[in-house]
N, C-alpha and C. Protein backbone atom coordinates (compact mmCIF):
# COMPACT_ATOMS: atom_id res chain seq x y z
N MET A 1 9.86 26.92 61.22
CA MET A 1 10.99 26.39 60.49
C MET A 1 12.27 26.93 61.12
N THR A 2 13.09 26.03 61.65
CA THR A 2 14.30 26.47 62.32
C THR A 2 15.58 25.98 61.64
N LYS A 3 15.47 25.07 60.71
CA LYS A 3 16.64 24.54 60.02
C LYS A 3 16.72 25.13 58.62
N ARG A 4 17.94 25.38 58.17
CA ARG A 4 18.15 25.86 56.80
C ARG A 4 18.29 24.64 55.89
N ILE A 5 17.17 23.92 55.80
CA ILE A 5 17.09 22.73 54.95
C ILE A 5 15.83 22.85 54.10
N ILE A 6 15.99 22.58 52.82
CA ILE A 6 14.85 22.54 51.90
C ILE A 6 14.71 21.09 51.45
N THR A 7 13.53 20.53 51.66
CA THR A 7 13.26 19.17 51.20
C THR A 7 12.30 19.25 50.02
N LEU A 8 12.68 18.59 48.93
CA LEU A 8 11.85 18.54 47.74
C LEU A 8 11.36 17.13 47.54
N CYS A 9 10.06 17.02 47.42
CA CYS A 9 9.41 15.74 47.19
C CYS A 9 8.59 15.89 45.92
N GLY A 10 8.23 14.79 45.33
CA GLY A 10 7.38 14.89 44.16
C GLY A 10 7.26 13.57 43.45
N LEU A 11 6.43 13.58 42.45
CA LEU A 11 6.18 12.39 41.66
C LEU A 11 7.37 12.12 40.73
N PRO A 12 7.56 10.88 40.33
CA PRO A 12 8.62 10.59 39.36
C PRO A 12 8.47 11.46 38.12
N GLY A 13 9.58 12.02 37.65
CA GLY A 13 9.56 12.85 36.46
C GLY A 13 9.18 14.29 36.69
N SER A 14 8.97 14.68 37.96
CA SER A 14 8.56 16.06 38.25
C SER A 14 9.74 17.03 38.27
N GLY A 15 10.94 16.50 38.21
CA GLY A 15 12.12 17.38 38.18
C GLY A 15 12.76 17.61 39.53
N LYS A 16 12.58 16.68 40.45
CA LYS A 16 13.13 16.86 41.80
C LYS A 16 14.63 17.10 41.79
N SER A 17 15.36 16.24 41.11
CA SER A 17 16.83 16.35 41.13
C SER A 17 17.31 17.62 40.46
N SER A 18 16.78 17.93 39.27
CA SER A 18 17.19 19.15 38.57
C SER A 18 16.85 20.38 39.37
N THR A 19 15.66 20.38 39.96
CA THR A 19 15.23 21.52 40.76
C THR A 19 16.10 21.65 42.01
N ALA A 20 16.33 20.55 42.69
CA ALA A 20 17.14 20.58 43.91
C ALA A 20 18.55 21.07 43.61
N LYS A 21 19.13 20.60 42.52
CA LYS A 21 20.47 21.05 42.14
C LYS A 21 20.47 22.54 41.86
N GLY A 22 19.44 23.03 41.16
CA GLY A 22 19.35 24.45 40.85
C GLY A 22 19.18 25.31 42.09
N VAL A 23 18.33 24.88 43.01
CA VAL A 23 18.12 25.63 44.25
C VAL A 23 19.40 25.63 45.08
N ALA A 24 20.02 24.48 45.20
CA ALA A 24 21.25 24.37 45.98
C ALA A 24 22.34 25.27 45.40
N GLU A 25 22.46 25.28 44.10
CA GLU A 25 23.48 26.11 43.46
C GLU A 25 23.23 27.59 43.72
N LYS A 26 21.98 28.03 43.55
CA LYS A 26 21.65 29.46 43.74
C LYS A 26 21.85 29.90 45.19
N LEU A 27 21.59 29.00 46.13
CA LEU A 27 21.74 29.35 47.55
C LEU A 27 23.11 29.01 48.11
N ALA A 28 23.95 28.36 47.30
CA ALA A 28 25.27 27.87 47.74
C ALA A 28 25.10 26.88 48.90
N TYR A 29 24.09 26.01 48.78
CA TYR A 29 23.82 24.95 49.75
C TYR A 29 24.35 23.63 49.19
N LYS A 30 24.50 22.65 50.06
CA LYS A 30 24.84 21.29 49.62
C LYS A 30 23.58 20.64 49.05
N HIS A 31 23.78 19.62 48.22
CA HIS A 31 22.66 18.89 47.62
C HIS A 31 22.83 17.41 47.88
N PHE A 32 21.70 16.75 48.21
CA PHE A 32 21.68 15.29 48.35
C PHE A 32 20.44 14.76 47.66
N SER A 33 20.60 13.66 46.91
CA SER A 33 19.48 13.04 46.21
C SER A 33 19.31 11.61 46.70
N SER A 34 18.20 11.34 47.41
CA SER A 34 17.96 9.96 47.81
C SER A 34 17.58 9.11 46.60
N GLY A 35 17.07 9.73 45.54
CA GLY A 35 16.79 9.01 44.31
C GLY A 35 18.06 8.45 43.69
N ASP A 36 19.13 9.26 43.72
CA ASP A 36 20.42 8.77 43.21
C ASP A 36 20.91 7.61 44.06
N LEU A 37 20.74 7.72 45.38
CA LEU A 37 21.14 6.64 46.28
C LEU A 37 20.33 5.38 45.98
N PHE A 38 19.04 5.54 45.78
CA PHE A 38 18.16 4.40 45.50
C PHE A 38 18.53 3.75 44.16
N ARG A 39 18.81 4.59 43.13
CA ARG A 39 19.21 4.05 41.82
C ARG A 39 20.54 3.31 41.93
N ALA A 40 21.46 3.85 42.73
CA ALA A 40 22.75 3.17 42.93
C ALA A 40 22.55 1.83 43.63
N MET A 41 21.65 1.79 44.60
CA MET A 41 21.35 0.52 45.29
C MET A 41 20.78 -0.49 44.30
N ALA A 42 19.92 -0.02 43.39
CA ALA A 42 19.35 -0.92 42.38
C ALA A 42 20.45 -1.42 41.45
N ALA A 43 21.32 -0.51 41.01
CA ALA A 43 22.40 -0.90 40.11
C ALA A 43 23.33 -1.91 40.76
N GLU A 44 23.63 -1.73 42.06
CA GLU A 44 24.47 -2.69 42.79
C GLU A 44 23.87 -4.08 42.77
N ARG A 45 22.54 -4.14 42.77
CA ARG A 45 21.83 -5.43 42.76
C ARG A 45 21.58 -5.93 41.34
N GLY A 46 21.91 -5.09 40.34
CA GLY A 46 21.69 -5.47 38.96
C GLY A 46 20.23 -5.48 38.55
N ILE A 47 19.44 -4.58 39.17
CA ILE A 47 18.00 -4.52 38.88
C ILE A 47 17.60 -3.08 38.56
N THR A 48 16.38 -2.90 38.09
CA THR A 48 15.88 -1.57 37.77
C THR A 48 15.31 -0.89 39.01
N VAL A 49 15.05 0.40 38.88
CA VAL A 49 14.40 1.15 39.97
C VAL A 49 13.04 0.55 40.28
N GLU A 50 12.30 0.18 39.24
CA GLU A 50 10.99 -0.41 39.45
C GLU A 50 11.10 -1.71 40.24
N GLU A 51 12.12 -2.52 39.89
CA GLU A 51 12.31 -3.80 40.59
C GLU A 51 12.72 -3.61 42.04
N ILE A 52 13.57 -2.62 42.32
CA ILE A 52 13.97 -2.41 43.72
C ILE A 52 12.79 -1.87 44.53
N ASN A 53 11.91 -1.09 43.88
CA ASN A 53 10.71 -0.63 44.56
C ASN A 53 9.84 -1.81 44.95
N GLU A 54 9.68 -2.76 44.03
CA GLU A 54 8.88 -3.95 44.33
C GLU A 54 9.52 -4.77 45.44
N ARG A 55 10.84 -4.93 45.39
CA ARG A 55 11.53 -5.68 46.45
C ARG A 55 11.41 -4.99 47.80
N ALA A 56 11.43 -3.66 47.77
CA ALA A 56 11.36 -2.91 49.01
C ALA A 56 10.03 -3.12 49.73
N GLU A 57 9.00 -3.54 48.99
CA GLU A 57 7.72 -3.84 49.64
C GLU A 57 7.87 -5.02 50.60
N LEU A 58 8.80 -5.93 50.31
CA LEU A 58 9.04 -7.10 51.16
C LEU A 58 10.30 -6.97 52.00
N GLU A 59 11.29 -6.29 51.47
CA GLU A 59 12.59 -6.13 52.15
C GLU A 59 12.68 -4.72 52.73
N LYS A 60 12.15 -4.55 53.92
CA LYS A 60 12.05 -3.22 54.54
C LYS A 60 13.41 -2.56 54.77
N GLU A 61 14.46 -3.36 54.86
CA GLU A 61 15.78 -2.79 55.11
C GLU A 61 16.24 -1.88 53.97
N ILE A 62 15.68 -2.03 52.78
CA ILE A 62 16.03 -1.14 51.66
C ILE A 62 15.61 0.28 52.01
N ASP A 63 14.34 0.47 52.38
CA ASP A 63 13.88 1.81 52.76
C ASP A 63 14.54 2.27 54.05
N PHE A 64 14.74 1.39 54.99
CA PHE A 64 15.36 1.77 56.26
C PHE A 64 16.76 2.33 56.05
N ALA A 65 17.52 1.77 55.10
CA ALA A 65 18.88 2.26 54.83
C ALA A 65 18.84 3.69 54.30
N VAL A 66 17.93 3.96 53.36
CA VAL A 66 17.80 5.31 52.81
C VAL A 66 17.31 6.26 53.90
N ASP A 67 16.31 5.84 54.66
CA ASP A 67 15.73 6.70 55.69
C ASP A 67 16.73 7.01 56.80
N GLU A 68 17.57 6.06 57.14
CA GLU A 68 18.59 6.31 58.16
C GLU A 68 19.56 7.39 57.69
N ARG A 69 19.94 7.34 56.42
CA ARG A 69 20.82 8.38 55.87
C ARG A 69 20.16 9.74 55.96
N LEU A 70 18.87 9.81 55.68
CA LEU A 70 18.15 11.08 55.76
C LEU A 70 18.06 11.57 57.20
N ARG A 71 17.77 10.69 58.13
CA ARG A 71 17.68 11.10 59.54
C ARG A 71 19.01 11.64 60.04
N GLN A 72 20.11 11.08 59.57
CA GLN A 72 21.44 11.57 59.96
C GLN A 72 21.67 12.99 59.46
N MET A 73 21.08 13.33 58.34
CA MET A 73 21.27 14.66 57.74
C MET A 73 20.39 15.73 58.39
N ALA A 74 19.45 15.34 59.23
CA ALA A 74 18.50 16.30 59.82
C ALA A 74 19.17 17.34 60.69
N ASN A 75 20.37 17.08 61.15
CA ASN A 75 21.07 18.04 62.01
C ASN A 75 21.95 19.01 61.23
N GLU A 76 21.97 18.88 59.92
CA GLU A 76 22.78 19.77 59.09
C GLU A 76 22.00 21.03 58.75
N ASP A 77 22.70 22.00 58.21
CA ASP A 77 22.10 23.23 57.70
C ASP A 77 22.62 23.46 56.28
N ASP A 78 22.02 24.42 55.59
CA ASP A 78 22.44 24.78 54.24
C ASP A 78 22.44 23.56 53.33
N LEU A 79 21.27 22.93 53.25
CA LEU A 79 21.14 21.67 52.55
C LEU A 79 19.83 21.63 51.76
N VAL A 80 19.90 21.10 50.53
CA VAL A 80 18.72 20.85 49.71
C VAL A 80 18.69 19.36 49.43
N ILE A 81 17.58 18.72 49.75
CA ILE A 81 17.45 17.28 49.59
C ILE A 81 16.25 16.98 48.70
N ASP A 82 16.49 16.17 47.66
CA ASP A 82 15.34 15.66 46.91
C ASP A 82 15.14 14.21 47.32
N SER A 83 13.94 13.97 47.83
CA SER A 83 13.63 12.68 48.44
C SER A 83 12.14 12.56 48.63
N ARG A 84 11.63 11.35 48.56
CA ARG A 84 10.21 11.13 48.83
C ARG A 84 9.88 11.38 50.30
N MET A 85 10.77 11.00 51.21
CA MET A 85 10.42 11.02 52.62
C MET A 85 11.20 12.02 53.48
N ALA A 86 12.10 12.80 52.92
CA ALA A 86 12.88 13.74 53.73
C ALA A 86 11.98 14.71 54.49
N PHE A 87 10.88 15.16 53.87
CA PHE A 87 9.98 16.08 54.55
C PHE A 87 9.47 15.47 55.86
N HIS A 88 9.28 14.18 55.87
CA HIS A 88 8.78 13.48 57.06
C HIS A 88 9.86 13.41 58.14
N TRP A 89 11.09 13.12 57.72
CA TRP A 89 12.19 12.98 58.68
C TRP A 89 12.74 14.32 59.13
N MET A 90 12.42 15.38 58.41
CA MET A 90 12.92 16.72 58.72
C MET A 90 11.76 17.70 58.78
N PRO A 91 10.93 17.59 59.82
CA PRO A 91 9.73 18.43 59.87
C PRO A 91 10.02 19.92 59.99
N GLU A 92 11.24 20.29 60.39
CA GLU A 92 11.58 21.70 60.52
C GLU A 92 12.13 22.28 59.22
N SER A 93 12.16 21.47 58.17
CA SER A 93 12.65 21.95 56.88
C SER A 93 11.56 22.74 56.15
N PHE A 94 11.97 23.42 55.08
CA PHE A 94 11.01 24.04 54.17
C PHE A 94 10.64 22.96 53.18
N LYS A 95 9.39 22.54 53.20
CA LYS A 95 8.94 21.35 52.48
C LYS A 95 8.23 21.73 51.18
N VAL A 96 8.76 21.21 50.06
CA VAL A 96 8.23 21.53 48.73
C VAL A 96 7.78 20.25 48.05
N PHE A 97 6.61 20.29 47.43
CA PHE A 97 6.11 19.18 46.63
C PHE A 97 6.03 19.62 45.18
N LEU A 98 6.66 18.83 44.30
CA LEU A 98 6.61 19.09 42.87
C LEU A 98 5.63 18.11 42.25
N LYS A 99 4.55 18.66 41.68
CA LYS A 99 3.56 17.79 41.07
C LYS A 99 3.65 17.91 39.56
N ILE A 100 3.13 16.86 38.90
CA ILE A 100 3.15 16.84 37.44
C ILE A 100 2.16 15.79 36.96
N ASP A 101 1.56 16.05 35.84
CA ASP A 101 0.69 15.05 35.21
C ASP A 101 1.56 13.83 34.85
N PRO A 102 1.11 12.62 35.19
CA PRO A 102 1.94 11.43 34.93
C PRO A 102 2.27 11.21 33.45
N HIS A 103 1.42 11.66 32.55
CA HIS A 103 1.72 11.53 31.11
C HIS A 103 2.88 12.44 30.72
N VAL A 104 2.86 13.67 31.23
CA VAL A 104 3.96 14.60 30.96
C VAL A 104 5.25 14.06 31.59
N ALA A 105 5.13 13.52 32.79
CA ALA A 105 6.30 12.95 33.47
C ALA A 105 6.90 11.82 32.64
N ALA A 106 6.06 10.94 32.12
CA ALA A 106 6.56 9.81 31.31
C ALA A 106 7.28 10.32 30.07
N GLU A 107 6.75 11.35 29.45
CA GLU A 107 7.41 11.93 28.28
C GLU A 107 8.78 12.49 28.65
N ARG A 108 8.86 13.18 29.78
CA ARG A 108 10.14 13.73 30.26
C ARG A 108 11.14 12.63 30.56
N ILE A 109 10.70 11.62 31.29
CA ILE A 109 11.59 10.53 31.68
C ILE A 109 12.10 9.81 30.43
N PHE A 110 11.20 9.52 29.49
CA PHE A 110 11.60 8.81 28.28
C PHE A 110 12.60 9.65 27.48
N ALA A 111 12.33 10.94 27.34
CA ALA A 111 13.25 11.82 26.60
C ALA A 111 14.62 11.84 27.28
N HIS A 112 14.62 11.91 28.60
CA HIS A 112 15.89 11.91 29.35
C HIS A 112 16.63 10.60 29.14
N MET A 113 15.90 9.50 29.16
CA MET A 113 16.52 8.19 28.96
C MET A 113 17.12 8.09 27.55
N GLN A 114 16.44 8.63 26.55
CA GLN A 114 16.93 8.58 25.17
C GLN A 114 18.18 9.45 25.00
N LYS A 115 18.19 10.58 25.68
CA LYS A 115 19.30 11.53 25.52
C LYS A 115 20.50 11.17 26.39
N ASN A 116 20.24 10.90 27.68
CA ASN A 116 21.33 10.73 28.64
C ASN A 116 21.44 9.34 29.23
N GLY A 117 20.45 8.50 29.00
CA GLY A 117 20.41 7.23 29.71
C GLY A 117 19.90 7.48 31.12
N ARG A 118 19.67 6.43 31.83
CA ARG A 118 19.23 6.57 33.22
C ARG A 118 19.64 5.31 33.95
N ILE A 119 20.34 5.50 35.04
CA ILE A 119 20.85 4.36 35.79
C ILE A 119 19.70 3.46 36.22
N SER A 120 19.81 2.19 35.89
CA SER A 120 18.90 1.12 36.32
C SER A 120 17.43 1.40 36.03
N GLN A 121 17.15 2.07 34.92
CA GLN A 121 15.76 2.25 34.51
C GLN A 121 15.66 1.98 33.03
N ASN A 122 14.66 1.25 32.64
CA ASN A 122 14.46 0.88 31.24
C ASN A 122 13.13 1.41 30.75
N GLY A 123 13.00 1.46 29.44
CA GLY A 123 11.73 1.84 28.84
C GLY A 123 11.91 2.01 27.35
N SER A 124 11.17 1.25 26.58
CA SER A 124 11.31 1.32 25.12
C SER A 124 10.29 2.26 24.49
N SER A 125 9.36 2.79 25.29
CA SER A 125 8.36 3.72 24.77
C SER A 125 7.85 4.60 25.92
N VAL A 126 7.22 5.69 25.54
CA VAL A 126 6.62 6.57 26.55
C VAL A 126 5.56 5.80 27.33
N GLU A 127 4.78 4.98 26.61
CA GLU A 127 3.73 4.20 27.28
C GLU A 127 4.31 3.24 28.32
N GLU A 128 5.41 2.59 27.98
CA GLU A 128 6.04 1.68 28.94
C GLU A 128 6.55 2.44 30.16
N VAL A 129 7.17 3.59 29.93
CA VAL A 129 7.65 4.42 31.05
C VAL A 129 6.46 4.89 31.89
N TYR A 130 5.37 5.29 31.24
CA TYR A 130 4.17 5.72 31.96
C TYR A 130 3.67 4.60 32.88
N ASN A 131 3.52 3.40 32.33
CA ASN A 131 3.03 2.27 33.12
C ASN A 131 3.97 1.94 34.27
N ASP A 132 5.28 1.96 34.01
CA ASP A 132 6.26 1.70 35.07
C ASP A 132 6.19 2.77 36.16
N THR A 133 5.99 4.03 35.73
CA THR A 133 5.92 5.14 36.69
C THR A 133 4.68 5.02 37.56
N ILE A 134 3.57 4.65 36.98
CA ILE A 134 2.33 4.46 37.75
C ILE A 134 2.52 3.34 38.77
N ARG A 135 3.11 2.22 38.34
CA ARG A 135 3.37 1.10 39.25
C ARG A 135 4.34 1.52 40.36
N ARG A 136 5.37 2.26 39.98
CA ARG A 136 6.36 2.71 40.96
C ARG A 136 5.73 3.61 42.01
N THR A 137 4.92 4.55 41.57
CA THR A 137 4.26 5.47 42.52
C THR A 137 3.34 4.70 43.45
N ALA A 138 2.58 3.77 42.91
CA ALA A 138 1.69 2.95 43.74
C ALA A 138 2.48 2.14 44.75
N SER A 139 3.60 1.59 44.32
CA SER A 139 4.46 0.82 45.22
C SER A 139 4.99 1.69 46.36
N GLU A 140 5.44 2.89 46.01
CA GLU A 140 5.97 3.80 47.03
C GLU A 140 4.89 4.22 48.02
N ILE A 141 3.72 4.56 47.52
CA ILE A 141 2.62 4.95 48.41
C ILE A 141 2.29 3.79 49.34
N LYS A 142 2.20 2.60 48.81
CA LYS A 142 1.91 1.41 49.62
C LYS A 142 2.97 1.21 50.69
N ARG A 143 4.23 1.27 50.31
CA ARG A 143 5.33 1.04 51.26
C ARG A 143 5.36 2.10 52.36
N TYR A 144 5.32 3.36 51.99
CA TYR A 144 5.45 4.41 52.99
C TYR A 144 4.22 4.50 53.89
N THR A 145 3.07 4.15 53.35
CA THR A 145 1.88 4.10 54.19
C THR A 145 2.00 2.96 55.20
N ALA A 146 2.46 1.81 54.74
CA ALA A 146 2.63 0.66 55.64
C ALA A 146 3.72 0.89 56.67
N LEU A 147 4.84 1.47 56.25
CA LEU A 147 5.98 1.67 57.16
C LEU A 147 5.76 2.82 58.14
N TYR A 148 5.22 3.94 57.63
CA TYR A 148 5.21 5.17 58.43
C TYR A 148 3.85 5.85 58.52
N SER A 149 2.82 5.27 57.92
CA SER A 149 1.49 5.89 57.86
C SER A 149 1.56 7.28 57.22
N VAL A 150 2.37 7.40 56.15
CA VAL A 150 2.55 8.66 55.46
C VAL A 150 2.28 8.47 53.97
N ASP A 151 1.47 9.36 53.41
CA ASP A 151 1.24 9.40 51.98
C ASP A 151 2.01 10.61 51.44
N TYR A 152 3.12 10.35 50.78
CA TYR A 152 3.96 11.45 50.32
C TYR A 152 3.30 12.29 49.23
N THR A 153 2.21 11.82 48.65
CA THR A 153 1.51 12.60 47.63
C THR A 153 0.46 13.54 48.22
N ASP A 154 0.26 13.51 49.53
CA ASP A 154 -0.71 14.39 50.19
C ASP A 154 -0.11 15.79 50.26
N GLU A 155 -0.59 16.67 49.43
CA GLU A 155 -0.03 18.01 49.30
C GLU A 155 -0.14 18.84 50.58
N SER A 156 -1.01 18.46 51.50
CA SER A 156 -1.15 19.22 52.76
C SER A 156 0.08 19.07 53.65
N ASN A 157 0.98 18.15 53.33
CA ASN A 157 2.21 17.97 54.11
C ASN A 157 3.26 19.03 53.81
N PHE A 158 3.03 19.89 52.83
CA PHE A 158 4.08 20.73 52.30
C PHE A 158 3.80 22.22 52.47
N ASP A 159 4.89 23.00 52.53
CA ASP A 159 4.80 24.46 52.63
C ASP A 159 4.50 25.09 51.27
N LEU A 160 4.94 24.43 50.20
CA LEU A 160 4.78 24.96 48.85
C LEU A 160 4.54 23.79 47.90
N VAL A 161 3.59 23.95 46.99
CA VAL A 161 3.31 22.97 45.94
C VAL A 161 3.45 23.69 44.60
N VAL A 162 4.24 23.08 43.70
CA VAL A 162 4.48 23.68 42.38
C VAL A 162 4.22 22.63 41.31
N ASP A 163 3.43 23.01 40.30
CA ASP A 163 3.20 22.14 39.15
C ASP A 163 4.31 22.42 38.15
N THR A 164 5.23 21.47 38.02
CA THR A 164 6.41 21.70 37.18
C THR A 164 6.11 21.59 35.68
N ALA A 165 4.93 21.12 35.31
CA ALA A 165 4.57 21.09 33.89
C ALA A 165 4.19 22.49 33.40
N LYS A 166 3.84 23.36 34.34
CA LYS A 166 3.37 24.70 33.97
C LYS A 166 4.46 25.77 34.03
N HIS A 167 5.65 25.38 34.51
CA HIS A 167 6.72 26.36 34.69
C HIS A 167 8.05 25.76 34.22
N SER A 168 8.93 26.63 33.75
CA SER A 168 10.26 26.18 33.36
C SER A 168 11.06 25.85 34.62
N LEU A 169 12.15 25.15 34.44
CA LEU A 169 13.01 24.81 35.57
C LEU A 169 13.48 26.07 36.29
N ASP A 170 13.91 27.07 35.54
CA ASP A 170 14.36 28.32 36.17
C ASP A 170 13.25 28.99 36.97
N GLU A 171 12.03 28.97 36.44
CA GLU A 171 10.89 29.56 37.16
C GLU A 171 10.62 28.79 38.45
N VAL A 172 10.66 27.47 38.39
CA VAL A 172 10.41 26.65 39.58
C VAL A 172 11.47 26.94 40.64
N VAL A 173 12.72 26.96 40.23
CA VAL A 173 13.82 27.25 41.17
C VAL A 173 13.60 28.61 41.82
N GLN A 174 13.27 29.63 41.02
CA GLN A 174 13.07 30.97 41.54
C GLN A 174 11.87 31.03 42.50
N MET A 175 10.78 30.35 42.16
CA MET A 175 9.60 30.33 43.03
C MET A 175 9.95 29.73 44.40
N ILE A 176 10.69 28.65 44.39
CA ILE A 176 11.06 27.99 45.64
C ILE A 176 11.94 28.91 46.48
N ILE A 177 12.93 29.50 45.86
CA ILE A 177 13.84 30.38 46.60
C ILE A 177 13.08 31.57 47.19
N GLU A 178 12.20 32.17 46.42
CA GLU A 178 11.42 33.31 46.92
C GLU A 178 10.56 32.93 48.11
N GLU A 179 9.86 31.81 48.02
CA GLU A 179 9.00 31.38 49.12
C GLU A 179 9.82 30.95 50.34
N TYR A 180 10.94 30.32 50.10
CA TYR A 180 11.83 29.90 51.18
C TYR A 180 12.34 31.11 51.95
N LYS A 181 12.75 32.14 51.23
CA LYS A 181 13.28 33.34 51.89
C LYS A 181 12.19 34.05 52.70
N LYS A 182 10.93 33.98 52.24
CA LYS A 182 9.83 34.56 53.02
C LYS A 182 9.62 33.81 54.34
N LYS A 183 9.75 32.50 54.29
CA LYS A 183 9.52 31.67 55.48
C LYS A 183 10.71 31.71 56.43
N PHE A 184 11.90 31.81 55.88
CA PHE A 184 13.10 31.73 56.72
C PHE A 184 13.51 33.12 57.09
């Protein structure tokens, strides 16, 4: 590992953005969220995240636009990125995978949507969010496997794997920082 970049990947609802923001803040690093970029792209089109994922299966330029932004960032340092594919584009980064049971993830996403809203994502029940999340994950796996022969859910791609259902956000942030400092 030669770059001071931490890439966080994980399943929907695993806490990638919150964790990345926490790690970046503690290390005084910059933060970038490709999920925020993807949600903004969906909002610009007037569609949901699930719908843009489905469109991206046919319109490869959607993923290419996000991936190009990530590749441009590979030369930076002092950066924390939450993204499905940043680990692939930045092999010299410290690569973290956040895993979570999909049912727990759906409960988290639904609660967040009820409390804060969520750009371009809908769901009237935990079950609906669960089903949308399962479809979204399947769509992403299909797309990234077809585009790059990469399964972002393969935990062997990562330096550290953390189950975020078993730890608080502060604990997850601390675990990542401790392991990162050992490697760097």
